[in-house]
PDB file of N, CA and C in Angstrom:
ATOM      1  N   MET A   1      98.709 245.345 134.947  1.00  0.00           N
ATOM      2  CA  MET A   1      99.229 244.088 134.437  1.00  0.00           C
ATOM      3  C   MET A   1      98.952 242.932 135.398  1.00  0.00           C
ATOM      4  N   ILE A   2      99.153 243.195 136.686  1.00  0.00           N
ATOM      5  CA  ILE A   2      98.907 242.144 137.675  1.00  0.00           C
ATOM      6  C   ILE A   2      97.440 241.724 137.640  1.00  0.00           C
ATOM      7  N   LEU A   3      96.559 242.709 137.502  1.00  0.00           N
ATOM      8  CA  LEU A   3      95.131 242.402 137.485  1.00  0.00           C
ATOM      9  C   LEU A   3      94.759 241.547 136.275  1.00  0.00           C
ATOM     10  N   LEU A   4      95.294 241.876 135.114  1.00  0.00           N
ATOM     11  CA  LEU A   4      95.000 241.075 133.918  1.00  0.00           C
ATOM     12  C   LEU A   4      95.577 239.668 134.039  1.00  0.00           C
ATOM     13  N   ALA A   5      96.793 239.567 134.572  1.00  0.00           N
ATOM     14  CA  ALA A   5      97.391 238.244 134.777  1.00  0.00           C
ATOM     15  C   ALA A   5      96.545 237.421 135.748  1.00  0.00           C
ATOM     16  N   SER A   6      96.013 238.080 136.766  1.00  0.00           N
ATOM     17  CA  SER A   6      95.146 237.386 137.721  1.00  0.00           C
ATOM     18  C   SER A   6      93.856 236.921 137.058  1.00  0.00           C
ATOM     19  N   GLY A   7      93.338 237.732 136.139  1.00  0.00           N
ATOM     20  CA  GLY A   7      92.150 237.334 135.384  1.00  0.00           C
ATOM     21  C   GLY A   7      92.415 236.137 134.494  1.00  0.00           C
ATOM     22  N   VAL A   8      93.600 236.115 133.891  1.00  0.00           N
ATOM     23  CA  VAL A   8      93.993 234.957 133.074  1.00  0.00           C
ATOM     24  C   VAL A   8      94.069 233.709 133.956  1.00  0.00           C
ATOM     25  N   LEU A   9      94.652 233.870 135.143  1.00  0.00           N
ATOM     26  CA  LEU A   9      94.738 232.730 136.060  1.00  0.00           C
ATOM     27  C   LEU A   9      93.360 232.273 136.527  1.00  0.00           C
ATOM     28  N   GLU A  10      92.408 233.199 136.583  1.00  0.00           N
ATOM     29  CA  GLU A  10      91.038 232.790 136.916  1.00  0.00           C
ATOM     30  C   GLU A  10      90.498 231.845 135.846  1.00  0.00           C
ATOM     31  N   ALA A  11      90.766 232.167 134.589  1.00  0.00           N
ATOM     32  CA  ALA A  11      90.337 231.284 133.495  1.00  0.00           C
ATOM     33  C   ALA A  11      91.041 229.931 133.585  1.00  0.00           C
ATOM     34  N   VAL A  12      92.313 229.950 133.979  1.00  0.00           N
ATOM     35  CA  VAL A  12      93.069 228.700 134.128  1.00  0.00           C
ATOM     36  C   VAL A  12      92.443 227.840 135.219  1.00  0.00           C
ATOM     37  N   TRP A  13      92.177 228.451 136.386  1.00  0.00           N
ATOM     38  CA  TRP A  13      91.631 227.617 137.467  1.00  0.00           C
ATOM     39  C   TRP A  13      90.209 227.159 137.174  1.00  0.00           C
ATOM     40  N   ALA A  14      89.420 227.985 136.501  1.00  0.00           N
ATOM     41  CA  ALA A  14      88.056 227.565 136.158  1.00  0.00           C
ATOM     42  C   ALA A  14      88.082 226.381 135.193  1.00  0.00           C
ATOM     43  N   THR A  15      88.967 226.450 134.213  1.00  0.00           N
ATOM     44  CA  THR A  15      89.098 225.354 133.252  1.00  0.00           C
ATOM     45  C   THR A  15      89.613 224.090 133.938  1.00  0.00           C
ATOM     46  N   ALA A  16      90.615 224.258 134.803  1.00  0.00           N
ATOM     47  CA  ALA A  16      91.156 223.108 135.533  1.00  0.00           C
ATOM     48  C   ALA A  16      90.089 222.487 136.431  1.00  0.00           C
ATOM     49  N   LEU A  17      89.302 223.326 137.082  1.00  0.00           N
ATOM     50  CA  LEU A  17      88.228 222.815 137.938  1.00  0.00           C
ATOM     51  C   LEU A  17      87.227 222.010 137.117  1.00  0.00           C
ATOM     52  N   GLY A  18      86.903 222.509 135.944  1.00  0.00           N
ATOM     53  CA  GLY A  18      85.991 221.784 135.066  1.00  0.00           C
ATOM     54  C   GLY A  18      86.541 220.447 134.603  1.00  0.00           C
ATOM     55  N   ASN A  19      87.862 220.358 134.510  1.00  0.00           N
ATOM     56  CA  ASN A  19      88.510 219.118 134.066  1.00  0.00           C
ATOM     57  C   ASN A  19      88.875 218.183 135.215  1.00  0.00           C
ATOM     58  N   SER A  20      88.631 218.606 136.456  1.00  0.00           N
ATOM     59  CA  SER A  20      89.106 217.840 137.614  1.00  0.00           C
ATOM     60  C   SER A  20      88.190 216.689 138.025  1.00  0.00           C
ATOM     61  N   ASP A  21      87.026 216.568 137.387  1.00  0.00           N
ATOM     62  CA  ASP A  21      86.068 215.510 137.733  1.00  0.00           C
ATOM     63  C   ASP A  21      85.728 215.563 139.224  1.00  0.00           C
ATOM     64  N   GLY A  22      85.299 216.751 139.665  1.00  0.00           N
ATOM     65  CA  GLY A  22      84.926 216.897 141.074  1.00  0.00           C
ATOM     66  C   GLY A  22      86.111 216.803 142.012  1.00  0.00           C
ATOM     67  N   LEU A  23      87.257 217.322 141.574  1.00  0.00           N
ATOM     68  CA  LEU A  23      88.524 217.296 142.320  1.00  0.00           C
ATOM     69  C   LEU A  23      89.043 215.871 142.528  1.00  0.00           C
ATOM     70  N   ARG A  24      88.682 214.958 141.634  1.00  0.00           N
ATOM     71  CA  ARG A  24      89.149 213.574 141.739  1.00  0.00           C
ATOM     72  C   ARG A  24      90.365 213.282 140.881  1.00  0.00           C
ATOM     73  N   LYS A  25      90.641 214.141 139.900  1.00  0.00           N
ATOM     74  CA  LYS A  25      91.826 213.960 139.055  1.00  0.00           C
ATOM     75  C   LYS A  25      92.930 214.857 139.597  1.00  0.00           C
ATOM     76  N   LEU A  26      94.089 214.260 139.866  1.00  0.00           N
ATOM     77  CA  LEU A  26      95.154 214.964 140.573  1.00  0.00           C
ATOM     78  C   LEU A  26      95.690 216.171 139.812  1.00  0.00           C
ATOM     79  N   LYS A  27      96.102 215.991 138.563  1.00  0.00           N
ATOM     80  CA  LYS A  27      96.754 217.089 137.837  1.00  0.00           C
ATOM     81  C   LYS A  27      95.858 218.322 137.706  1.00  0.00           C
ATOM     82  N   PRO A  28      94.619 218.192 137.200  1.00  0.00           N
ATOM     83  CA  PRO A  28      93.792 219.393 137.121  1.00  0.00           C
ATOM     84  C   PRO A  28      93.456 219.977 138.495  1.00  0.00           C
ATOM     85  N   THR A  29      93.370 219.131 139.512  1.00  0.00           N
ATOM     86  CA  THR A  29      93.106 219.631 140.860  1.00  0.00           C
ATOM     87  C   THR A  29      94.275 220.467 141.357  1.00  0.00           C
ATOM     88  N   LEU A  30      95.503 220.004 141.112  1.00  0.00           N
ATOM     89  CA  LEU A  30      96.681 220.779 141.516  1.00  0.00           C
ATOM     90  C   LEU A  30      96.761 222.100 140.757  1.00  0.00           C
ATOM     91  N   VAL A  31      96.470 222.068 139.460  1.00  0.00           N
ATOM     92  CA  VAL A  31      96.456 223.302 138.667  1.00  0.00           C
ATOM     93  C   VAL A  31      95.397 224.250 139.222  1.00  0.00           C
ATOM     94  N   PHE A  32      94.230 223.725 139.552  1.00  0.00           N
ATOM     95  CA  PHE A  32      93.157 224.531 140.131  1.00  0.00           C
ATOM     96  C   PHE A  32      93.620 225.214 141.418  1.00  0.00           C
ATOM     97  N   VAL A  33      94.211 224.463 142.331  1.00  0.00           N
ATOM     98  CA  VAL A  33      94.623 225.011 143.627  1.00  0.00           C
ATOM     99  C   VAL A  33      95.681 226.096 143.445  1.00  0.00           C
ATOM    100  N   VAL A  34      96.724 225.804 142.677  1.00  0.00           N
ATOM    101  CA  VAL A  34      97.818 226.770 142.488  1.00  0.00           C
ATOM    102  C   VAL A  34      97.325 228.017 141.761  1.00  0.00           C
ATOM    103  N   ALA A  35      96.568 227.821 140.683  1.00  0.00           N
ATOM    104  CA  ALA A  35      96.097 228.968 139.899  1.00  0.00           C
ATOM    105  C   ALA A  35      95.105 229.815 140.687  1.00  0.00           C
ATOM    106  N   SER A  36      94.251 229.190 141.484  1.00  0.00           N
ATOM    107  CA  SER A  36      93.282 229.980 142.251  1.00  0.00           C
ATOM    108  C   SER A  36      93.967 230.803 143.333  1.00  0.00           C
ATOM    109  N   ILE A  37      94.948 230.229 144.001  1.00  0.00           N
ATOM    110  CA  ILE A  37      95.689 230.985 145.018  1.00  0.00           C
ATOM    111  C   ILE A  37      96.438 232.142 144.371  1.00  0.00           C
ATOM    112  N   ALA A  38      97.129 231.873 143.270  1.00  0.00           N
ATOM    113  CA  ALA A  38      97.881 232.929 142.579  1.00  0.00           C
ATOM    114  C   ALA A  38      96.944 234.008 142.044  1.00  0.00           C
ATOM    115  N   SER A  39      95.803 233.603 141.516  1.00  0.00           N
ATOM    116  CA  SER A  39      94.836 234.554 140.971  1.00  0.00           C
ATOM    117  C   SER A  39      94.296 235.475 142.060  1.00  0.00           C
ATOM    118  N   LEU A  40      93.912 234.911 143.179  1.00  0.00           N
ATOM    119  CA  LEU A  40      93.382 235.722 144.275  1.00  0.00           C
ATOM    120  C   LEU A  40      94.458 236.608 144.895  1.00  0.00           C
ATOM    121  N   TYR A  41      95.679 236.114 144.969  1.00  0.00           N
ATOM    122  CA  TYR A  41      96.774 236.937 145.488  1.00  0.00           C
ATOM    123  C   TYR A  41      97.009 238.136 144.570  1.00  0.00           C
ATOM    124  N   GLY A  42      97.045 237.894 143.272  1.00  0.00           N
ATOM    125  CA  GLY A  42      97.217 238.993 142.321  1.00  0.00           C
ATOM    126  C   GLY A  42      96.077 239.990 142.406  1.00  0.00           C
ATOM    127  N   LEU A  43      94.850 239.496 142.555  1.00  0.00           N
ATOM    128  CA  LEU A  43      93.700 240.386 142.715  1.00  0.00           C
ATOM    129  C   LEU A  43      93.863 241.240 143.966  1.00  0.00           C
ATOM    130  N   SER A  44      94.320 240.645 145.045  1.00  0.00           N
ATOM    131  CA  SER A  44      94.507 241.404 146.288  1.00  0.00           C
ATOM    132  C   SER A  44      95.570 242.485 146.121  1.00  0.00           C
ATOM    133  N   LEU A  45      96.625 242.188 145.371  1.00  0.00           N
ATOM    134  CA  LEU A  45      97.656 243.203 145.114  1.00  0.00           C
ATOM    135  C   LEU A  45      97.105 244.337 144.257  1.00  0.00           C
ATOM    136  N   ALA A  46      96.314 243.990 143.254  1.00  0.00           N
ATOM    137  CA  ALA A  46      95.734 245.012 142.378  1.00  0.00           C
ATOM    138  C   ALA A  46      94.806 245.932 143.153  1.00  0.00           C
ATOM    139  N   MET A  47      94.122 245.391 144.155  1.00  0.00           N
ATOM    140  CA  MET A  47      93.176 246.192 144.930  1.00  0.00           C
ATOM    141  C   MET A  47      93.855 247.216 145.830  1.00  0.00           C
ATOM    142  N   ILE A  48      95.169 247.160 145.929  1.00  0.00           N
ATOM    143  CA  ILE A  48      95.897 248.184 146.679  1.00  0.00           C
ATOM    144  C   ILE A  48      95.795 249.523 145.961  1.00  0.00           C
ATOM    145  N   THR A  49      95.813 249.485 144.626  1.00  0.00           N
ATOM    146  CA  THR A  49      95.818 250.730 143.849  1.00  0.00           C
ATOM    147  C   THR A  49      94.571 250.944 142.994  1.00  0.00           C
ATOM    148  N   ILE A  50      93.740 249.939 142.859  1.00  0.00           N
ATOM    149  CA  ILE A  50      92.528 250.037 142.035  1.00  0.00           C
ATOM    150  C   ILE A  50      91.327 249.832 142.954  1.00  0.00           C
ATOM    151  N   PRO A  51      90.278 250.650 142.801  1.00  0.00           N
ATOM    152  CA  PRO A  51      89.092 250.460 143.646  1.00  0.00           C
ATOM    153  C   PRO A  51      88.558 249.026 143.559  1.00  0.00           C
ATOM    154  N   VAL A  52      88.047 248.542 144.674  1.00  0.00           N
ATOM    155  CA  VAL A  52      87.607 247.151 144.781  1.00  0.00           C
ATOM    156  C   VAL A  52      86.603 246.778 143.690  1.00  0.00           C
ATOM    157  N   GLY A  53      85.587 247.588 143.495  1.00  0.00           N
ATOM    158  CA  GLY A  53      84.556 247.271 142.508  1.00  0.00           C
ATOM    159  C   GLY A  53      85.106 247.165 141.100  1.00  0.00           C
ATOM    160  N   THR A  54      85.967 248.111 140.740  1.00  0.00           N
ATOM    161  CA  THR A  54      86.569 248.098 139.405  1.00  0.00           C
ATOM    162  C   THR A  54      87.497 246.906 139.247  1.00  0.00           C
ATOM    163  N   ALA A  55      88.336 246.669 140.247  1.00  0.00           N
ATOM    164  CA  ALA A  55      89.276 245.546 140.175  1.00  0.00           C
ATOM    165  C   ALA A  55      88.528 244.223 140.055  1.00  0.00           C
ATOM    166  N   TYR A  56      87.488 244.065 140.851  1.00  0.00           N
ATOM    167  CA  TYR A  56      86.730 242.813 140.812  1.00  0.00           C
ATOM    168  C   TYR A  56      86.030 242.633 139.470  1.00  0.00           C
ATOM    169  N   ALA A  57      85.478 243.722 138.938  1.00  0.00           N
ATOM    170  CA  ALA A  57      84.799 243.646 137.636  1.00  0.00           C
ATOM    171  C   ALA A  57      85.775 243.254 136.533  1.00  0.00           C
ATOM    172  N   VAL A  58      86.953 243.859 136.530  1.00  0.00           N
ATOM    173  CA  VAL A  58      87.962 243.541 135.511  1.00  0.00           C
ATOM    174  C   VAL A  58      88.416 242.096 135.658  1.00  0.00           C
ATOM    175  N   TRP A  59      88.685 241.678 136.877  1.00  0.00           N
ATOM    176  CA  TRP A  59      89.155 240.312 137.152  1.00  0.00           C
ATOM    177  C   TRP A  59      88.119 239.279 136.717  1.00  0.00           C
ATOM    178  N   THR A  60      86.881 239.498 137.123  1.00  0.00           N
ATOM    179  CA  THR A  60      85.817 238.561 136.790  1.00  0.00           C
ATOM    180  C   THR A  60      85.558 238.509 135.291  1.00  0.00           C
ATOM    181  N   ALA A  61      85.478 239.678 134.670  1.00  0.00           N
ATOM    182  CA  ALA A  61      85.203 239.724 133.227  1.00  0.00           C
ATOM    183  C   ALA A  61      86.329 239.094 132.422  1.00  0.00           C
ATOM    184  N   THR A  62      87.562 239.345 132.834  1.00  0.00           N
ATOM    185  CA  THR A  62      88.702 238.751 132.135  1.00  0.00           C
ATOM    186  C   THR A  62      88.641 237.233 132.231  1.00  0.00           C
ATOM    187  N   GLY A  63      88.473 236.735 133.440  1.00  0.00           N
ATOM    188  CA  GLY A  63      88.418 235.290 133.638  1.00  0.00           C
ATOM    189  C   GLY A  63      87.242 234.639 132.940  1.00  0.00           C
ATOM    190  N   ALA A  64      86.069 235.240 133.069  1.00  0.00           N
ATOM    191  CA  ALA A  64      84.872 234.662 132.451  1.00  0.00           C
ATOM    192  C   ALA A  64      84.973 234.673 130.932  1.00  0.00           C
ATOM    193  N   THR A  65      85.426 235.789 130.380  1.00  0.00           N
ATOM    194  CA  THR A  65      85.541 235.897 128.924  1.00  0.00           C
ATOM    195  C   THR A  65      86.543 234.888 128.379  1.00  0.00           C
ATOM    196  N   LEU A  66      87.705 234.812 129.005  1.00  0.00           N
ATOM    197  CA  LEU A  66      88.722 233.873 128.523  1.00  0.00           C
ATOM    198  C   LEU A  66      88.279 232.420 128.693  1.00  0.00           C
ATOM    199  N   THR A  67      87.560 232.133 129.764  1.00  0.00           N
ATOM    200  CA  THR A  67      87.066 230.772 129.974  1.00  0.00           C
ATOM    201  C   THR A  67      86.095 230.375 128.867  1.00  0.00           C
ATOM    202  N   VAL A  68      85.182 231.273 128.527  1.00  0.00           N
ATOM    203  CA  VAL A  68      84.210 230.985 127.468  1.00  0.00           C
ATOM    204  C   VAL A  68      84.901 230.891 126.112  1.00  0.00           C
ATOM    205  N   VAL A  69      85.821 231.817 125.836  1.00  0.00           N
ATOM    206  CA  VAL A  69      86.537 231.787 124.552  1.00  0.00           C
ATOM    207  C   VAL A  69      87.322 230.483 124.426  1.00  0.00           C
ATOM    208  N   TRP A  70      87.993 230.070 125.486  1.00  0.00           N
ATOM    209  CA  TRP A  70      88.751 228.815 125.454  1.00  0.00           C
ATOM    210  C   TRP A  70      87.819 227.631 125.185  1.00  0.00           C
ATOM    211  N   ALA A  71      86.657 227.628 125.820  1.00  0.00           N
ATOM    212  CA  ALA A  71      85.694 226.547 125.585  1.00  0.00           C
ATOM    213  C   ALA A  71      85.197 226.566 124.139  1.00  0.00           C
ATOM    214  N   MET A  72      85.039 227.751 123.581  1.00  0.00           N
ATOM    215  CA  MET A  72      84.631 227.853 122.175  1.00  0.00           C
ATOM    216  C   MET A  72      85.727 227.332 121.250  1.00  0.00           C
ATOM    217  N   VAL A  73      86.965 227.684 121.541  1.00  0.00           N
ATOM    218  CA  VAL A  73      88.099 227.226 120.730  1.00  0.00           C
ATOM    219  C   VAL A  73      88.200 225.702 120.784  1.00  0.00           C
ATOM    220  N   ARG A  74      87.992 225.137 121.954  1.00  0.00           N
ATOM    221  CA  ARG A  74      88.061 223.682 122.116  1.00  0.00           C
ATOM    222  C   ARG A  74      86.824 222.970 121.579  1.00  0.00           C
ATOM    223  N   GLY A  75      85.781 223.722 121.282  1.00  0.00           N
ATOM    224  CA  GLY A  75      84.573 223.124 120.742  1.00  0.00           C
ATOM    225  C   GLY A  75      83.610 222.581 121.778  1.00  0.00           C
ATOM    226  N   THR A  76      83.829 222.904 123.048  1.00  0.00           N
ATOM    227  CA  THR A  76      82.929 222.418 124.093  1.00  0.00           C
ATOM    228  C   THR A  76      81.765 223.367 124.354  1.00  0.00           C
ATOM    229  N   GLU A  77      81.826 224.569 123.786  1.00  0.00           N
ATOM    230  CA  GLU A  77      80.714 225.520 123.841  1.00  0.00           C
ATOM    231  C   GLU A  77      80.546 226.121 122.453  1.00  0.00           C
ATOM    232  N   PRO A  78      79.305 226.405 122.058  1.00  0.00           N
ATOM    233  CA  PRO A  78      79.083 226.954 120.716  1.00  0.00           C
ATOM    234  C   PRO A  78      79.569 228.399 120.597  1.00  0.00           C
ATOM    235  N   ALA A  79      80.134 228.721 119.451  1.00  0.00           N
ATOM    236  CA  ALA A  79      80.614 230.083 119.179  1.00  0.00           C
ATOM    237  C   ALA A  79      79.622 230.768 118.243  1.00  0.00           C
ATOM    238  N   THR A  80      78.464 231.098 118.780  1.00  0.00           N
ATOM    239  CA  THR A  80      77.446 231.747 117.960  1.00  0.00           C
ATOM    240  C   THR A  80      77.692 233.249 117.910  1.00  0.00           C
ATOM    241  N   LEU A  81      77.119 233.896 116.932  1.00  0.00           N
ATOM    242  CA  LEU A  81      77.264 235.345 116.803  1.00  0.00           C
ATOM    243  C   LEU A  81      76.735 236.053 118.045  1.00  0.00           C
ATOM    244  N   LYS A  82      75.601 235.619 118.558  1.00  0.00           N
ATOM    245  CA  LYS A  82      75.029 236.242 119.762  1.00  0.00           C
ATOM    246  C   LYS A  82      75.982 236.135 120.947  1.00  0.00           C
ATOM    247  N   ARG A  83      76.563 234.966 121.132  1.00  0.00           N
ATOM    248  CA  ARG A  83      77.496 234.772 122.257  1.00  0.00           C
ATOM    249  C   ARG A  83      78.736 235.639 122.091  1.00  0.00           C
ATOM    250  N   LEU A  84      79.258 235.712 120.868  1.00  0.00           N
ATOM    251  CA  LEU A  84      80.436 236.543 120.615  1.00  0.00           C
ATOM    252  C   LEU A  84      80.126 238.016 120.857  1.00  0.00           C
ATOM    253  N   LEU A  85      78.968 238.472 120.419  1.00  0.00           N
ATOM    254  CA  LEU A  85      78.581 239.868 120.646  1.00  0.00           C
ATOM    255  C   LEU A  85      78.410 240.163 122.136  1.00  0.00           C
ATOM    256  N   LEU A  86      77.853 239.227 122.873  1.00  0.00           N
ATOM    257  CA  LEU A  86      77.715 239.416 124.318  1.00  0.00           C
ATOM    258  C   LEU A  86      79.076 239.464 125.012  1.00  0.00           C
ATOM    259  N   LEU A  87      80.016 238.635 124.579  1.00  0.00           N
ATOM    260  CA  LEU A  87      81.370 238.686 125.139  1.00  0.00           C
ATOM    261  C   LEU A  87      82.026 240.030 124.842  1.00  0.00           C
ATOM    262  N   ILE A  88      81.848 240.524 123.631  1.00  0.00           N
ATOM    263  CA  ILE A  88      82.380 241.848 123.280  1.00  0.00           C
ATOM    264  C   ILE A  88      81.741 242.909 124.172  1.00  0.00           C
ATOM    265  N   GLY A  89      80.452 242.759 124.456  1.00  0.00           N
ATOM    266  CA  GLY A  89      79.768 243.687 125.349  1.00  0.00           C
ATOM    267  C   GLY A  89      80.351 243.682 126.751  1.00  0.00           C
ATOM    268  N   ILE A  90      80.664 242.500 127.268  1.00  0.00           N
ATOM    269  CA  ILE A  90      81.280 242.395 128.596  1.00  0.00           C
ATOM    270  C   ILE A  90      82.607 243.133 128.614  1.00  0.00           C
ATOM    271  N   VAL A  91      83.441 242.851 127.633  1.00  0.00           N
ATOM    272  CA  VAL A  91      84.765 243.483 127.569  1.00  0.00           C
ATOM    273  C   VAL A  91      84.622 244.995 127.435  1.00  0.00           C
ATOM    274  N   THR A  92      83.713 245.445 126.588  1.00  0.00           N
ATOM    275  CA  THR A  92      83.508 246.876 126.386  1.00  0.00           C
ATOM    276  C   THR A  92      83.074 247.559 127.682  1.00  0.00           C
ATOM    277  N   CYS A  93      82.167 246.951 128.408  1.00  0.00           N
ATOM    278  CA  CYS A  93      81.703 247.531 129.668  1.00  0.00           C
ATOM    279  C   CYS A  93      82.823 247.616 130.704  1.00  0.00           C
ATOM    280  N   VAL A  94      83.635 246.589 130.791  1.00  0.00           N
ATOM    281  CA  VAL A  94      84.729 246.597 131.762  1.00  0.00           C
ATOM    282  C   VAL A  94      85.778 247.635 131.384  1.00  0.00           C
ATOM    283  N   VAL A  95      86.094 247.731 130.105  1.00  0.00           N
ATOM    284  CA  VAL A  95      87.033 248.767 129.659  1.00  0.00           C
ATOM    285  C   VAL A  95      86.451 250.137 129.987  1.00  0.00           C
ATOM    286  N   GLY A  96      85.162 250.302 129.777  1.00  0.00           N
ATOM    287  CA  GLY A  96      84.507 251.562 130.115  1.00  0.00           C
ATOM    288  C   GLY A  96      84.621 251.889 131.590  1.00  0.00           C
ATOM    289  N   LEU A  97      84.433 250.906 132.454  1.00  0.00           N
ATOM    290  CA  LEU A  97      84.599 251.124 133.896  1.00  0.00           C
ATOM    291  C   LEU A  97      86.007 251.602 134.226  1.00  0.00           C
ATOM    292  N   LYS A  98      86.980 250.972 133.602  1.00  0.00           N
ATOM    293  CA  LYS A  98      88.379 251.329 133.860  1.00  0.00           C
ATOM    294  C   LYS A  98      88.675 252.740 133.351  1.00  0.00           C
ATOM    295  N   VAL A  99      88.141 253.086 132.186  1.00  0.00           N
ATOM    296  CA  VAL A  99      88.407 254.396 131.585  1.00  0.00           C
ATOM    297  C   VAL A  99      87.805 255.525 132.424  1.00  0.00           C
ATOM    298  N   VAL A 100      86.577 255.335 132.905  1.00  0.00           N
ATOM    299  CA  VAL A 100      85.938 256.408 133.665  1.00  0.00           C
ATOM    300  C   VAL A 100      86.406 256.461 135.115  1.00  0.00           C
ATOM    301  N   GLY A 101      87.201 255.490 135.516  1.00  0.00           N
ATOM    302  CA  GLY A 101      87.840 255.549 136.813  1.00  0.00           C
ATOM    303  C   GLY A 101      87.060 254.903 137.880  1.00  0.00           C
TER     304      GLY A 101
END
């Protein structure tokens, strides 16, 4: 659970960073700083019980997938069938890594 929450926070900080105008806008910059610290802290806690490679893959895939999906929902990135299938592929591969240990 901590690892997934950290992945969600990765999507939050990535989105905030994109909205910060090069860290010039205060609110998104503050969200970026807080979310990135919390995300990395959660990742570090998850790595106590989950192998580093698996934890990092899950964290990165969760954050990247949610960031792209959020951009698609907002209309800032296209939601094409190819992109959706590739996102499903990312999630499937990460779940596979977790399942096989």
